[in-house]
């Protein structure tokens, strides 16, 4: 892992860009001592510099966490395969025509999750070697619920997770949800125009965690109230500190 840039932000958070092989990422820290690590993923291909993700990362770091995100394969500015571009073109056409899109999302998101998980695990290996992180524990917080489910099943170092019910979850991850047993906070926007409410509720029901909490708020996809970030940090405090 090689750090390529750093800046101290006006809230006191240190923001550092890094590169790990072909994987670009960002790490936010606050203070000098070892801090619990939170992996913060963006939804289905959005860039790591997405303003909503950066705002959540800075707030969480200022609460005493090391927060990291990456642009996995096909995300952000990283190259996309010709097959991905064809599926995205099919998706745009279907949306414009008002046609069903579930199978197109399945063809797009499923492979993205499979290719992203190894890169996230490689990044986690490198991050946990840094003295300012010091070996864990690790949490996950992100709008990409499908990735979070897969990581929670595959990666025993993740001790707690917050999922946003705002994106398509492939069938494989809906089945894997039954294997998720870590403490879980699940955020749902009740009027999310792109995420059928019942599907989100069924997903929450499927999680195998003994401790799982659902917070539902009125409003559309991007309307998650800011106080949920405060509650999310309290949830992480209980399980990571």
Protein backbone atom coordinates (compact mmCIF):
# COMPACT_ATOMS: atom_id res chain seq x y z
CA UNK A 1 0.00 0.00 0.00
CA UNK A 2 1.41 3.37 -1.06
CA UNK A 3 -0.02 6.70 0.09
CA UNK A 4 -0.09 9.22 -2.76
CA UNK A 5 -1.64 12.32 -1.19
CA UNK A 6 -2.82 13.62 2.15
CA UNK A 7 -4.56 16.65 3.58
CA UNK A 8 -5.75 17.73 7.01
CA UNK A 9 -9.38 18.76 6.66
CA UNK A 10 -11.04 21.60 8.56
CA UNK A 11 -12.73 19.17 10.97
CA UNK A 12 -9.32 17.78 11.98
CA UNK A 13 -9.70 14.56 10.00
CA UNK A 14 -6.66 13.40 8.03
CA UNK A 15 -7.63 12.26 4.52
CA UNK A 16 -5.10 10.15 2.63
CA UNK A 17 -5.32 8.69 -0.85
CA UNK A 18 -3.61 5.36 -1.44
CA UNK A 19 -2.96 2.83 -4.17
CA UNK A 20 -2.68 -0.91 -3.62
CA UNK A 21 -1.72 -2.65 -6.84
CA UNK A 22 -4.46 -1.41 -9.17
CA UNK A 23 -6.85 -0.55 -6.32
CA UNK A 24 -7.28 3.17 -5.51
CA UNK A 25 -8.60 4.03 -2.08
CA UNK A 26 -9.04 6.67 0.60
CA UNK A 27 -8.35 6.44 4.34
CA UNK A 28 -9.70 8.90 6.89
CA UNK A 29 -8.29 9.00 10.44
CA UNK A 30 -8.52 11.26 13.48
CA UNK A 31 -5.91 11.27 16.20
CA UNK A 32 -2.73 9.26 16.58
CA UNK A 33 -3.73 6.12 18.45
CA UNK A 34 -4.93 2.80 16.98
CA UNK A 35 -8.58 3.02 16.01
CA UNK A 36 -11.24 0.51 14.99
CA UNK A 37 -11.59 0.23 11.22
CA UNK A 38 -14.82 0.81 9.30
CA UNK A 39 -15.05 -0.23 5.65
CA UNK A 40 -17.40 2.15 3.88
CA UNK A 41 -18.64 1.06 0.47
CA UNK A 42 -20.47 3.05 -2.17
CA UNK A 43 -23.42 1.71 -4.09
CA UNK A 44 -23.04 -0.35 -7.26
CA UNK A 45 -20.26 1.48 -9.06
CA UNK A 46 -20.43 5.02 -7.67
CA UNK A 47 -16.99 6.64 -7.13
CA UNK A 48 -15.24 6.63 -3.78
CA UNK A 49 -15.38 10.44 -3.90
CA UNK A 50 -19.20 10.42 -3.87
CA UNK A 51 -20.12 13.41 -1.63
CA UNK A 52 -22.56 11.47 0.56
CA UNK A 53 -19.98 8.75 1.24
CA UNK A 54 -17.26 11.31 2.00
CA UNK A 55 -19.54 13.14 4.44
CA UNK A 56 -20.35 9.89 6.27
CA UNK A 57 -16.68 8.90 6.31
CA UNK A 58 -15.50 12.21 7.76
CA UNK A 59 -18.19 12.21 10.45
CA UNK A 60 -17.38 8.63 11.43
CA UNK A 61 -13.63 9.26 11.49
CA UNK A 62 -14.13 12.28 13.76
CA UNK A 63 -15.92 9.93 16.16
CA UNK A 64 -12.68 7.97 16.63
CA UNK A 65 -12.62 5.50 13.74
CA UNK A 66 -10.33 4.79 10.83
CA UNK A 67 -12.58 4.75 7.75
CA UNK A 68 -11.55 3.35 4.39
CA UNK A 69 -13.12 3.01 0.97
CA UNK A 70 -11.91 1.85 -2.42
CA UNK A 71 -12.90 1.91 -6.05
CA UNK A 72 -13.15 -1.82 -6.72
CA UNK A 73 -13.07 -3.23 -10.25
CA UNK A 74 -15.69 -1.55 -12.43
CA UNK A 75 -16.36 1.18 -9.85
CA UNK A 76 -15.64 4.89 -10.00
CA UNK A 77 -13.12 5.72 -12.71
CA UNK A 78 -11.72 2.21 -13.02
CA UNK A 79 -12.20 0.58 -16.43
CA UNK A 80 -15.37 -1.37 -17.08
CA UNK A 81 -15.49 -4.42 -19.29
CA UNK A 82 -17.28 -4.44 -22.61
CA UNK A 83 -19.79 -6.86 -21.08
CA UNK A 84 -20.51 -4.43 -18.23
CA UNK A 85 -21.05 -1.59 -20.69
CA UNK A 86 -23.50 -3.70 -22.70
CA UNK A 87 -25.49 -4.53 -19.58
CA UNK A 88 -25.54 -0.88 -18.52
CA UNK A 89 -26.79 0.10 -21.98
CA UNK A 90 -29.53 -2.54 -21.69
CA UNK A 91 -30.46 -1.14 -18.30
CA UNK A 92 -30.75 2.43 -19.63
CA UNK A 93 -32.96 1.28 -22.48
CA UNK A 94 -35.20 -0.77 -20.19
CA UNK A 95 -35.60 2.10 -17.72
CA UNK A 96 -36.50 4.53 -20.51
CA UNK A 97 -39.04 2.07 -21.90
CA UNK A 98 -40.52 1.29 -18.47
CA UNK A 99 -39.66 -2.39 -18.82
CA UNK A 100 -38.80 -4.82 -15.97
CA UNK A 101 -35.17 -4.50 -14.94
CA UNK A 102 -34.61 -7.17 -12.27
CA UNK A 103 -32.85 -9.62 -14.58
CA UNK A 104 -30.66 -6.85 -15.98
CA UNK A 105 -29.69 -5.78 -12.46
CA UNK A 106 -28.95 -9.43 -11.68
CA UNK A 107 -26.58 -9.61 -14.66
CA UNK A 108 -24.89 -6.35 -13.63
CA UNK A 109 -24.66 -6.43 -9.84
CA UNK A 110 -23.95 -10.14 -9.30
CA UNK A 111 -20.62 -10.13 -11.18
CA UNK A 112 -19.67 -6.78 -9.63
CA UNK A 113 -20.03 -8.25 -6.14
CA UNK A 114 -17.97 -11.32 -7.04
CA UNK A 115 -15.13 -9.22 -8.48
CA UNK A 116 -15.22 -6.61 -5.71
CA UNK A 117 -15.00 -8.92 -2.69
CA UNK A 118 -11.41 -10.18 -3.32
CA UNK A 119 -10.18 -6.60 -3.75
CA UNK A 120 -11.88 -5.48 -0.55
CA UNK A 121 -10.31 -8.40 1.34
CA UNK A 122 -6.87 -7.60 -0.07
CA UNK A 123 -7.33 -3.99 1.02
CA UNK A 124 -8.42 -5.12 4.48
CA UNK A 125 -5.25 -7.20 4.84
CA UNK A 126 -3.11 -4.14 4.07
CA UNK A 127 -5.09 -1.74 6.25
CA UNK A 128 -4.86 -3.95 9.32
CA UNK A 129 -1.07 -3.81 9.12
CA UNK A 130 -1.05 -0.02 9.60
CA UNK A 131 -0.08 1.13 13.12
CA UNK A 132 -2.94 3.66 13.22
CA UNK A 133 -5.41 0.78 12.86
CA UNK A 134 -3.58 -1.95 14.72
CA UNK A 135 -5.35 -5.15 13.80
CA UNK A 136 -9.03 -4.41 14.24
CA UNK A 137 -11.85 -4.79 15.10
CA UNK A 138 -13.59 -4.11 11.79
CA UNK A 139 -17.05 -2.86 10.86
CA UNK A 140 -18.83 -2.37 7.55
CA UNK A 141 -21.08 0.54 6.67
CA UNK A 142 -22.40 1.17 3.23
CA UNK A 143 -25.09 1.66 0.68
CA UNK A 144 -23.91 -1.38 -1.23
CA UNK A 145 -25.80 -3.95 0.82
CA UNK A 146 -25.08 -6.80 -1.60
CA UNK A 147 -21.34 -6.33 -1.15
CA UNK A 148 -21.73 -6.02 2.60
CA UNK A 149 -23.67 -9.27 2.80
CA UNK A 150 -21.02 -11.12 0.81
CA UNK A 151 -18.20 -9.65 2.91
CA UNK A 152 -20.00 -10.43 6.17
CA UNK A 153 -20.26 -14.07 5.13
CA UNK A 154 -16.75 -14.40 3.67
CA UNK A 155 -14.76 -12.24 6.09
CA UNK A 156 -14.67 -13.32 9.77
CA UNK A 157 -12.83 -10.14 10.78
CA UNK A 158 -15.98 -8.04 10.25
CA UNK A 159 -17.72 -7.81 13.64
CA UNK A 160 -20.74 -5.56 12.90
CA UNK A 161 -22.39 -3.92 9.91
CA UNK A 162 -24.75 -1.17 8.87
CA UNK A 163 -26.58 -1.73 5.57
CA UNK A 164 -28.61 0.80 3.59
CA UNK A 165 -31.56 -0.86 1.83
CA UNK A 166 -31.19 1.29 -1.26
CA UNK A 167 -29.85 -0.91 -4.04
CA UNK A 168 -30.54 -4.14 -5.84
CA UNK A 169 -29.46 -7.27 -3.96
CA UNK A 170 -28.86 -10.28 -6.25
CA UNK A 171 -30.51 -13.60 -5.54
CA UNK A 172 -27.22 -15.12 -4.34
CA UNK A 173 -26.81 -12.46 -1.64
CA UNK A 174 -30.47 -12.71 -0.63
CA UNK A 175 -29.79 -16.38 0.09
CA UNK A 176 -26.48 -15.59 1.81
CA UNK A 177 -28.29 -13.18 4.15
CA UNK A 178 -29.35 -16.21 6.18
CA UNK A 179 -25.66 -16.81 6.96
CA UNK A 180 -25.08 -13.28 8.28
CA UNK A 181 -24.91 -13.57 12.07
CA UNK A 182 -23.06 -10.41 13.15
CA UNK A 183 -24.90 -7.50 14.82
CA UNK A 184 -26.71 -5.55 12.13
CA UNK A 185 -28.32 -2.12 11.68
CA UNK A 186 -30.53 -1.94 8.58
CA UNK A 187 -31.65 1.47 7.26
CA UNK A 188 -34.71 1.70 5.02
CA UNK A 189 -36.17 4.69 3.22
CA UNK A 190 -39.88 3.92 3.26
CA UNK A 191 -40.63 5.68 -0.04
CA UNK A 192 -37.50 4.66 -1.97
CA UNK A 193 -38.63 4.81 -5.57
CA UNK A 194 -36.03 2.32 -6.78
CA UNK A 195 -36.22 -0.27 -4.01
CA UNK A 196 -39.47 -2.19 -3.44
CA UNK A 197 -40.31 -1.90 0.23
CA UNK A 198 -41.44 -5.49 0.65
CA UNK A 199 -38.22 -6.81 -0.85
CA UNK A 200 -36.23 -4.82 1.72
CA UNK A 201 -38.41 -6.10 4.55
CA UNK A 202 -38.02 -9.68 3.33
CA UNK A 203 -34.25 -9.21 3.24
CA UNK A 204 -34.23 -7.93 6.82
CA UNK A 205 -36.30 -10.93 7.88
CA UNK A 206 -33.83 -13.29 6.19
CA UNK A 207 -30.75 -12.09 8.10
CA UNK A 208 -29.57 -14.73 10.57
CA UNK A 209 -28.30 -12.22 13.16
CA UNK A 210 -29.67 -12.52 16.67
CA UNK A 211 -29.14 -8.77 17.07
CA UNK A 212 -30.61 -6.92 14.10
CA UNK A 213 -32.36 -3.57 14.11
CA UNK A 214 -34.45 -1.95 11.38
CA UNK A 215 -34.75 1.83 11.17
CA UNK A 216 -37.33 3.04 8.63
CA UNK A 217 -37.81 6.69 7.72
CA UNK A 218 -40.17 8.38 5.26
CA UNK A 219 -38.68 9.77 2.09
CA UNK A 220 -36.94 8.78 -1.10
CA UNK A 221 -33.65 7.11 -1.92
CA UNK A 222 -31.28 9.88 -0.84
CA UNK A 223 -33.36 11.16 2.08
CA UNK A 224 -31.82 9.22 4.96
CA UNK A 225 -31.91 11.62 7.94
CA UNK A 226 -28.59 12.82 9.29
CA UNK A 227 -29.46 11.56 12.79
CA UNK A 228 -29.21 8.01 11.44
CA UNK A 229 -25.48 8.62 11.03
CA UNK A 230 -25.29 9.55 14.70
CA UNK A 231 -27.24 6.42 15.64
CA UNK A 232 -25.01 4.37 13.33
CA UNK A 233 -21.92 5.54 15.16
CA UNK A 234 -23.48 4.63 18.51
CA UNK A 235 -24.19 1.17 17.07
CA UNK A 236 -20.54 0.85 15.99
CA UNK A 237 -19.39 2.10 19.40
CA UNK A 238 -21.23 -0.77 21.09
CA UNK A 239 -19.60 -3.42 18.96
CA UNK A 240 -16.19 -2.10 17.92
CA UNK A 241 -14.93 -0.13 20.94
